Amino acid sequence: MSSTPGNGNNDKGAGPRTLWMGDLAYWMDENFLMSLYASTGEVLNTKIIRNKVTGYSEGYGFVEFASNFAAQNVLNTYNGAPIAGTDQFFKLNWASYSGGQ
């Protein structure tokens, strides 16, 4: 059995399920990200990347969906659209995985 890094779930749509979200405001947290995509009913997890020293947001995060199909729909629908209640726009792309530091 083969697996793709970052995709341990092969039951609903093969391929990546995680999107990168950039240009996040300092006040946006995991709960806020979850609320943005709650209507899809497909969000499994959100994570804001934070500075290890200050704990403040680095301005980007990740949103994991239940399937590649759901992630693709969100990418196609939301990317570039205004974020309700803010002066910001969705900036989305497929997440890429690296060895990290």
Protein backbone atom coordinates (compact mmCIF):
# COMPACT_ATOMS: atom_id res chain seq x y z
CA MET A 1 0.00 0.00 0.00
CA SER A 2 1.42 3.37 -0.96
CA SER A 3 0.69 6.70 0.64
CA THR A 4 1.25 10.30 -0.24
CA PRO A 5 2.95 12.52 2.37
CA GLY A 6 0.38 14.66 4.11
CA ASN A 7 -2.49 12.57 2.76
CA GLY A 8 -3.13 9.68 5.09
CA ASN A 9 -6.78 9.38 4.05
CA ASN A 10 -7.48 7.73 0.71
CA ASP A 11 -11.21 7.17 1.09
CA LYS A 12 -12.67 10.36 -0.42
CA GLY A 13 -10.84 11.72 -3.42
CA ALA A 14 -7.22 10.89 -4.04
CA GLY A 15 -4.75 13.73 -3.92
CA PRO A 16 -3.92 16.58 -1.58
CA ARG A 17 -6.52 17.77 0.90
CA THR A 18 -4.71 20.68 2.53
CA LEU A 19 -4.71 24.30 1.38
CA TRP A 20 -2.27 27.04 2.34
CA MET A 21 -3.90 30.37 3.23
CA GLY A 22 -1.80 33.53 3.20
CA ASP A 23 -2.05 37.22 4.03
CA LEU A 24 -3.78 36.52 7.34
CA ALA A 25 -4.40 39.45 9.66
CA TYR A 26 -2.74 39.29 13.09
CA TRP A 27 -6.08 38.67 14.82
CA MET A 28 -7.15 35.71 12.68
CA ASP A 29 -6.91 32.44 14.61
CA GLU A 30 -7.76 28.78 14.01
CA ASN A 31 -11.38 29.29 15.09
CA PHE A 32 -11.77 32.15 12.63
CA LEU A 33 -10.37 30.02 9.80
CA MET A 34 -12.69 27.17 10.77
CA SER A 35 -15.67 29.54 10.65
CA LEU A 36 -14.76 30.71 7.14
CA TYR A 37 -15.15 27.21 5.75
CA ALA A 38 -17.79 25.81 8.13
CA SER A 39 -20.50 26.03 5.48
CA THR A 40 -18.65 23.46 3.38
CA GLY A 41 -19.06 20.85 6.11
CA GLU A 42 -15.72 19.43 4.98
CA VAL A 43 -13.09 21.07 7.25
CA LEU A 44 -11.11 18.67 9.41
CA ASN A 45 -8.43 20.95 10.86
CA THR A 46 -6.97 24.47 10.74
CA LYS A 47 -3.53 25.63 11.85
CA ILE A 48 -2.00 29.10 12.05
CA ILE A 49 1.79 29.17 11.86
CA ARG A 50 3.19 31.21 14.74
CA ASN A 51 6.57 32.70 15.59
CA LYS A 52 8.27 30.37 18.08
CA VAL A 53 9.55 33.26 20.19
CA THR A 54 6.68 35.75 20.18
CA GLY A 55 3.74 33.43 19.57
CA TYR A 56 2.35 35.90 17.04
CA SER A 57 0.99 34.73 13.70
CA GLU A 58 3.44 34.54 10.80
CA GLY A 59 0.56 35.56 8.50
CA TYR A 60 -0.28 32.18 7.02
CA GLY A 61 -1.84 28.89 7.92
CA PHE A 62 -3.27 25.63 6.65
CA VAL A 63 -6.77 24.24 6.24
CA GLU A 64 -7.27 20.48 5.91
CA PHE A 65 -10.40 19.20 4.20
CA ALA A 66 -12.07 15.79 4.24
CA SER A 67 -11.27 15.16 0.56
CA ASN A 68 -9.31 16.42 -2.40
CA PHE A 69 -12.63 17.20 -4.08
CA ALA A 70 -13.70 19.49 -1.21
CA ALA A 71 -10.32 21.25 -1.14
CA GLN A 72 -10.40 21.76 -4.92
CA ASN A 73 -13.91 23.24 -4.72
CA VAL A 74 -12.85 25.67 -1.99
CA LEU A 75 -9.72 26.66 -3.91
CA ASN A 76 -11.74 27.33 -7.06
CA THR A 77 -14.59 29.12 -5.27
CA TYR A 78 -12.90 31.15 -2.54
CA ASN A 79 -9.47 32.11 -3.91
CA GLY A 80 -9.41 35.86 -4.60
CA ALA A 81 -12.88 36.44 -3.15
CA PRO A 82 -13.39 38.97 -0.34
CA ILE A 83 -13.44 37.64 3.23
CA ALA A 84 -16.77 38.74 4.74
CA GLY A 85 -16.46 41.32 7.51
CA THR A 86 -12.87 42.23 6.61
CA ASP A 87 -11.02 44.28 4.03
CA GLN A 88 -9.03 41.20 2.99
CA PHE A 89 -9.28 38.62 0.25
CA PHE A 90 -8.82 34.86 0.31
CA LYS A 91 -5.29 33.96 -0.79
CA LEU A 92 -5.23 30.19 -1.24
CA ASN A 93 -2.96 27.61 -2.82
CA TRP A 94 -2.16 23.94 -2.43
CA ALA A 95 -0.01 23.29 0.64
CA SER A 96 3.45 21.97 -0.04
CA TYR A 97 5.31 19.85 2.45
CA SER A 98 8.99 20.24 3.17
CA GLY A 99 11.41 18.70 5.61
CA GLY A 100 11.07 21.76 7.83
CA GLN A 101 13.61 22.98 10.35
